[in-house]
Amino acid sequence: MSIKWGLIGASTIARQFMIDAVRAQADGEIAAVMSSSEERAAAYARENGIPAAVSNLDALLGSDI
């Protein structure tokens, strides 16, 4: 069973430090990224191999992500 993570904020800090750290864990999986900009979330997800992008916290927490 994996532990799914949702990134809040499409940031450089997440790209430089968090994504690889989560993926280095045997059970870690980045399931989604959230940004207030729908376009930025989608681009960030695409660039970083993240399967889902959302633009609000309700969508991030209230889904099957």
PDB file of N, CA and C in Angstrom:
ATOM      1  N   MET A   1       0.843  -1.176   0.000  1.00  0.00           N
ATOM      2  CA  MET A   1       0.000   0.000   0.000  1.00  0.00           C
ATOM      3  C   MET A   1       0.890   1.241   0.000  1.00  0.00           C
ATOM      4  N   SER A   2       0.532   2.213  -0.810  1.00  0.00           N
ATOM      5  CA  SER A   2       1.337   3.424  -0.879  1.00  0.00           C
ATOM      6  C   SER A   2       0.707   4.554  -0.071  1.00  0.00           C
ATOM      7  N   ILE A   3       1.564   5.475   0.322  1.00  0.00           N
ATOM      8  CA  ILE A   3       1.111   6.698   0.976  1.00  0.00           C
ATOM      9  C   ILE A   3       1.065   7.765  -0.102  1.00  0.00           C
ATOM     10  N   LYS A   4      -0.122   8.287  -0.350  1.00  0.00           N
ATOM     11  CA  LYS A   4      -0.294   9.287  -1.400  1.00  0.00           C
ATOM     12  C   LYS A   4      -0.122  10.684  -0.828  1.00  0.00           C
ATOM     13  N   TRP A   5       0.638  11.484  -1.534  1.00  0.00           N
ATOM     14  CA  TRP A   5       0.892  12.866  -1.158  1.00  0.00           C
ATOM     15  C   TRP A   5       0.228  13.796  -2.157  1.00  0.00           C
ATOM     16  N   GLY A   6      -0.252  14.906  -1.666  1.00  0.00           N
ATOM     17  CA  GLY A   6      -0.744  15.985  -2.512  1.00  0.00           C
ATOM     18  C   GLY A   6       0.065  17.227  -2.218  1.00  0.00           C
ATOM     19  N   LEU A   7       0.705  17.769  -3.232  1.00  0.00           N
ATOM     20  CA  LEU A   7       1.498  18.981  -3.046  1.00  0.00           C
ATOM     21  C   LEU A   7       0.585  20.197  -3.088  1.00  0.00           C
ATOM     22  N   ILE A   8       0.702  21.047  -2.102  1.00  0.00           N
ATOM     23  CA  ILE A   8      -0.051  22.296  -2.084  1.00  0.00           C
ATOM     24  C   ILE A   8       0.920  23.386  -2.502  1.00  0.00           C
ATOM     25  N   GLY A   9       0.766  23.834  -3.726  1.00  0.00           N
ATOM     26  CA  GLY A   9       1.654  24.842  -4.291  1.00  0.00           C
ATOM     27  C   GLY A   9       2.596  24.222  -5.305  1.00  0.00           C
ATOM     28  N   ALA A  10       2.612  24.781  -6.481  1.00  0.00           N
ATOM     29  CA  ALA A  10       3.489  24.324  -7.555  1.00  0.00           C
ATOM     30  C   ALA A  10       4.770  25.148  -7.479  1.00  0.00           C
ATOM     31  N   SER A  11       5.649  24.760  -6.555  1.00  0.00           N
ATOM     32  CA  SER A  11       6.795  25.608  -6.228  1.00  0.00           C
ATOM     33  C   SER A  11       8.131  24.983  -6.606  1.00  0.00           C
ATOM     34  N   THR A  12       9.129  25.840  -6.652  1.00  0.00           N
ATOM     35  CA  THR A  12      10.495  25.392  -6.874  1.00  0.00           C
ATOM     36  C   THR A  12      10.975  24.549  -5.700  1.00  0.00           C
ATOM     37  N   ILE A  13      10.599  24.924  -4.487  1.00  0.00           N
ATOM     38  CA  ILE A  13      11.010  24.163  -3.301  1.00  0.00           C
ATOM     39  C   ILE A  13      10.510  22.724  -3.391  1.00  0.00           C
ATOM     40  N   ALA A  14       9.261  22.544  -3.767  1.00  0.00           N
ATOM     41  CA  ALA A  14       8.727  21.185  -3.920  1.00  0.00           C
ATOM     42  C   ALA A  14       9.497  20.429  -4.994  1.00  0.00           C
ATOM     43  N   ARG A  15       9.782  21.091  -6.100  1.00  0.00           N
ATOM     44  CA  ARG A  15      10.507  20.443  -7.202  1.00  0.00           C
ATOM     45  C   ARG A  15      11.914  20.049  -6.764  1.00  0.00           C
ATOM     46  N   GLN A  16      12.595  20.928  -6.049  1.00  0.00           N
ATOM     47  CA  GLN A  16      13.990  20.674  -5.682  1.00  0.00           C
ATOM     48  C   GLN A  16      14.147  19.699  -4.520  1.00  0.00           C
ATOM     49  N   PHE A  17      13.192  19.698  -3.595  1.00  0.00           N
ATOM     50  CA  PHE A  17      13.395  18.926  -2.372  1.00  0.00           C
ATOM     51  C   PHE A  17      12.343  17.855  -2.092  1.00  0.00           C
ATOM     52  N   MET A  18      11.096  18.137  -2.319  1.00  0.00           N
ATOM     53  CA  MET A  18      10.030  17.231  -1.870  1.00  0.00           C
ATOM     54  C   MET A  18       9.749  16.076  -2.828  1.00  0.00           C
ATOM     55  N   ILE A  19       9.659  16.363  -4.103  1.00  0.00           N
ATOM     56  CA  ILE A  19       9.246  15.335  -5.067  1.00  0.00           C
ATOM     57  C   ILE A  19      10.176  14.126  -5.009  1.00  0.00           C
ATOM     58  N   ASP A  20      11.478  14.358  -5.112  1.00  0.00           N
ATOM     59  CA  ASP A  20      12.419  13.238  -5.080  1.00  0.00           C
ATOM     60  C   ASP A  20      12.432  12.541  -3.723  1.00  0.00           C
ATOM     61  N   ALA A  21      12.285  13.312  -2.640  1.00  0.00           N
ATOM     62  CA  ALA A  21      12.274  12.714  -1.297  1.00  0.00           C
ATOM     63  C   ALA A  21      11.079  11.788  -1.119  1.00  0.00           C
ATOM     64  N   VAL A  22       9.918  12.213  -1.581  1.00  0.00           N
ATOM     65  CA  VAL A  22       8.720  11.370  -1.474  1.00  0.00           C
ATOM     66  C   VAL A  22       8.880  10.133  -2.345  1.00  0.00           C
ATOM     67  N   ARG A  23       9.351  10.314  -3.557  1.00  0.00           N
ATOM     68  CA  ARG A  23       9.503   9.181  -4.474  1.00  0.00           C
ATOM     69  C   ARG A  23      10.586   8.212  -4.037  1.00  0.00           C
ATOM     70  N   ALA A  24      11.536   8.669  -3.234  1.00  0.00           N
ATOM     71  CA  ALA A  24      12.604   7.795  -2.744  1.00  0.00           C
ATOM     72  C   ALA A  24      12.097   6.808  -1.691  1.00  0.00           C
ATOM     73  N   GLN A  25      10.965   7.087  -1.102  1.00  0.00           N
ATOM     74  CA  GLN A  25      10.371   6.191  -0.111  1.00  0.00           C
ATOM     75  C   GLN A  25       9.669   5.040  -0.833  1.00  0.00           C
ATOM     76  N   ALA A  26       9.844   3.856  -0.332  1.00  0.00           N
ATOM     77  CA  ALA A  26       9.259   2.680  -0.982  1.00  0.00           C
ATOM     78  C   ALA A  26       7.748   2.789  -1.126  1.00  0.00           C
ATOM     79  N   ASP A  27       7.100   3.443  -0.188  1.00  0.00           N
ATOM     80  CA  ASP A  27       5.643   3.548  -0.230  1.00  0.00           C
ATOM     81  C   ASP A  27       5.154   4.958  -0.566  1.00  0.00           C
ATOM     82  N   GLY A  28       6.042   5.834  -1.019  1.00  0.00           N
ATOM     83  CA  GLY A  28       5.664   7.217  -1.310  1.00  0.00           C
ATOM     84  C   GLY A  28       5.199   7.414  -2.743  1.00  0.00           C
ATOM     85  N   GLU A  29       4.153   8.170  -2.898  1.00  0.00           N
ATOM     86  CA  GLU A  29       3.599   8.459  -4.230  1.00  0.00           C
ATOM     87  C   GLU A  29       3.032   9.881  -4.226  1.00  0.00           C
ATOM     88  N   ILE A  30       3.441  10.685  -5.195  1.00  0.00           N
ATOM     89  CA  ILE A  30       2.850  12.015  -5.333  1.00  0.00           C
ATOM     90  C   ILE A  30       1.653  11.854  -6.260  1.00  0.00           C
ATOM     91  N   ALA A  31       0.475  12.049  -5.714  1.00  0.00           N
ATOM     92  CA  ALA A  31      -0.758  11.789  -6.448  1.00  0.00           C
ATOM     93  C   ALA A  31      -1.293  13.015  -7.163  1.00  0.00           C
ATOM     94  N   ALA A  32      -1.001  14.209  -6.631  1.00  0.00           N
ATOM     95  CA  ALA A  32      -1.573  15.418  -7.230  1.00  0.00           C
ATOM     96  C   ALA A  32      -0.805  16.651  -6.782  1.00  0.00           C
ATOM     97  N   VAL A  33      -0.970  17.700  -7.552  1.00  0.00           N
ATOM     98  CA  VAL A  33      -0.448  19.014  -7.185  1.00  0.00           C
ATOM     99  C   VAL A  33      -1.587  20.015  -7.268  1.00  0.00           C
ATOM    100  N   MET A  34      -1.588  20.960  -6.341  1.00  0.00           N
ATOM    101  CA  MET A  34      -2.611  22.002  -6.318  1.00  0.00           C
ATOM    102  C   MET A  34      -1.949  23.360  -6.487  1.00  0.00           C
ATOM    103  N   SER A  35      -2.531  24.176  -7.326  1.00  0.00           N
ATOM    104  CA  SER A  35      -2.131  25.571  -7.477  1.00  0.00           C
ATOM    105  C   SER A  35      -3.398  26.377  -7.693  1.00  0.00           C
ATOM    106  N   SER A  36      -3.399  27.628  -7.257  1.00  0.00           N
ATOM    107  CA  SER A  36      -4.586  28.462  -7.481  1.00  0.00           C
ATOM    108  C   SER A  36      -4.800  28.730  -8.964  1.00  0.00           C
ATOM    109  N   SER A  37      -3.750  28.544  -9.756  1.00  0.00           N
ATOM    110  CA  SER A  37      -3.855  28.667 -11.210  1.00  0.00           C
ATOM    111  C   SER A  37      -3.995  27.272 -11.815  1.00  0.00           C
ATOM    112  N   GLU A  38      -5.122  27.024 -12.440  1.00  0.00           N
ATOM    113  CA  GLU A  38      -5.363  25.721 -13.069  1.00  0.00           C
ATOM    114  C   GLU A  38      -4.293  25.394 -14.105  1.00  0.00           C
ATOM    115  N   GLU A  39      -3.906  26.401 -14.887  1.00  0.00           N
ATOM    116  CA  GLU A  39      -2.898  26.206 -15.932  1.00  0.00           C
ATOM    117  C   GLU A  39      -1.538  25.869 -15.325  1.00  0.00           C
ATOM    118  N   ARG A  40      -1.165  26.575 -14.266  1.00  0.00           N
ATOM    119  CA  ARG A  40       0.126  26.304 -13.618  1.00  0.00           C
ATOM    120  C   ARG A  40       0.136  24.904 -13.001  1.00  0.00           C
ATOM    121  N   ALA A  41      -0.943  24.511 -12.368  1.00  0.00           N
ATOM    122  CA  ALA A  41      -1.020  23.169 -11.784  1.00  0.00           C
ATOM    123  C   ALA A  41      -0.853  22.104 -12.864  1.00  0.00           C
ATOM    124  N   ALA A  42      -1.534  22.278 -13.984  1.00  0.00           N
ATOM    125  CA  ALA A  42      -1.454  21.298 -15.074  1.00  0.00           C
ATOM    126  C   ALA A  42      -0.047  21.236 -15.661  1.00  0.00           C
ATOM    127  N   ALA A  43       0.573  22.386 -15.867  1.00  0.00           N
ATOM    128  CA  ALA A  43       1.928  22.418 -16.421  1.00  0.00           C
ATOM    129  C   ALA A  43       2.925  21.779 -15.451  1.00  0.00           C
ATOM    130  N   TYR A  44       2.806  22.097 -14.184  1.00  0.00           N
ATOM    131  CA  TYR A  44       3.694  21.555 -13.155  1.00  0.00           C
ATOM    132  C   TYR A  44       3.547  20.038 -13.075  1.00  0.00           C
ATOM    133  N   ALA A  45       2.321  19.565 -13.098  1.00  0.00           N
ATOM    134  CA  ALA A  45       2.073  18.121 -13.063  1.00  0.00           C
ATOM    135  C   ALA A  45       2.706  17.440 -14.271  1.00  0.00           C
ATOM    136  N   ARG A  46       2.508  18.007 -15.433  1.00  0.00           N
ATOM    137  CA  ARG A  46       3.073  17.452 -16.669  1.00  0.00           C
ATOM    138  C   ARG A  46       4.603  17.416 -16.593  1.00  0.00           C
ATOM    139  N   GLU A  47       5.212  18.516 -16.168  1.00  0.00           N
ATOM    140  CA  GLU A  47       6.675  18.628 -16.106  1.00  0.00           C
ATOM    141  C   GLU A  47       7.299  17.682 -15.086  1.00  0.00           C
ATOM    142  N   ASN A  48       6.540  17.313 -14.070  1.00  0.00           N
ATOM    143  CA  ASN A  48       7.097  16.519 -12.972  1.00  0.00           C
ATOM    144  C   ASN A  48       6.513  15.117 -12.855  1.00  0.00           C
ATOM    145  N   GLY A  49       5.769  14.689 -13.854  1.00  0.00           N
ATOM    146  CA  GLY A  49       5.224  13.334 -13.857  1.00  0.00           C
ATOM    147  C   GLY A  49       4.233  13.067 -12.744  1.00  0.00           C
ATOM    148  N   ILE A  50       3.434  14.072 -12.422  1.00  0.00           N
ATOM    149  CA  ILE A  50       2.415  13.947 -11.381  1.00  0.00           C
ATOM    150  C   ILE A  50       1.080  13.704 -12.081  1.00  0.00           C
ATOM    151  N   PRO A  51       0.337  12.677 -11.696  1.00  0.00           N
ATOM    152  CA  PRO A  51      -0.843  12.282 -12.462  1.00  0.00           C
ATOM    153  C   PRO A  51      -2.049  13.217 -12.411  1.00  0.00           C
ATOM    154  N   ALA A  52      -2.156  14.062 -11.392  1.00  0.00           N
ATOM    155  CA  ALA A  52      -3.353  14.909 -11.292  1.00  0.00           C
ATOM    156  C   ALA A  52      -2.968  16.333 -10.910  1.00  0.00           C
ATOM    157  N   ALA A  53      -3.773  17.276 -11.388  1.00  0.00           N
ATOM    158  CA  ALA A  53      -3.589  18.691 -11.071  1.00  0.00           C
ATOM    159  C   ALA A  53      -4.944  19.282 -10.725  1.00  0.00           C
ATOM    160  N   VAL A  54      -4.983  20.037  -9.632  1.00  0.00           N
ATOM    161  CA  VAL A  54      -6.230  20.670  -9.197  1.00  0.00           C
ATOM    162  C   VAL A  54      -5.946  22.122  -8.831  1.00  0.00           C
ATOM    163  N   SER A  55      -7.024  22.904  -8.713  1.00  0.00           N
ATOM    164  CA  SER A  55      -6.832  24.329  -8.438  1.00  0.00           C
ATOM    165  C   SER A  55      -7.454  24.790  -7.126  1.00  0.00           C
ATOM    166  N   ASN A  56      -7.929  23.849  -6.309  1.00  0.00           N
ATOM    167  CA  ASN A  56      -8.420  24.246  -4.986  1.00  0.00           C
ATOM    168  C   ASN A  56      -8.295  23.079  -4.010  1.00  0.00           C
ATOM    169  N   LEU A  57      -8.275  23.434  -2.745  1.00  0.00           N
ATOM    170  CA  LEU A  57      -8.053  22.441  -1.694  1.00  0.00           C
ATOM    171  C   LEU A  57      -9.183  21.423  -1.596  1.00  0.00           C
ATOM    172  N   ASP A  58     -10.414  21.857  -1.824  1.00  0.00           N
ATOM    173  CA  ASP A  58     -11.536  20.915  -1.787  1.00  0.00           C
ATOM    174  C   ASP A  58     -11.356  19.808  -2.821  1.00  0.00           C
ATOM    175  N   ALA A  59     -10.898  20.172  -4.004  1.00  0.00           N
ATOM    176  CA  ALA A  59     -10.675  19.171  -5.053  1.00  0.00           C
ATOM    177  C   ALA A  59      -9.543  18.219  -4.668  1.00  0.00           C
ATOM    178  N   LEU A  60      -8.525  18.744  -4.020  1.00  0.00           N
ATOM    179  CA  LEU A  60      -7.398  17.909  -3.610  1.00  0.00           C
ATOM    180  C   LEU A  60      -7.796  16.925  -2.514  1.00  0.00           C
ATOM    181  N   LEU A  61      -8.506  17.407  -1.526  1.00  0.00           N
ATOM    182  CA  LEU A  61      -8.850  16.566  -0.376  1.00  0.00           C
ATOM    183  C   LEU A  61     -10.105  15.730  -0.570  1.00  0.00           C
ATOM    184  N   GLY A  62     -10.994  16.157  -1.440  1.00  0.00           N
ATOM    185  CA  GLY A  62     -12.270  15.483  -1.580  1.00  0.00           C
ATOM    186  C   GLY A  62     -12.356  14.526  -2.741  1.00  0.00           C
ATOM    187  N   SER A  63     -11.227  14.117  -3.265  1.00  0.00           N
ATOM    188  CA  SER A  63     -11.256  13.243  -4.433  1.00  0.00           C
ATOM    189  C   SER A  63     -10.689  11.873  -4.088  1.00  0.00           C
ATOM    190  N   ASP A  64     -10.615  11.027  -5.085  1.00  0.00           N
ATOM    191  CA  ASP A  64     -10.011   9.706  -4.925  1.00  0.00           C
ATOM    192  C   ASP A  64      -8.519   9.732  -5.237  1.00  0.00           C
ATOM    193  N   ILE A  65      -7.959  10.894  -5.239  1.00  0.00           N
ATOM    194  CA  ILE A  65      -6.544  11.038  -5.584  1.00  0.00           C
ATOM    195  C   ILE A  65      -5.690  10.233  -4.627  1.00  0.00           C
TER     196      ILE A  65
END
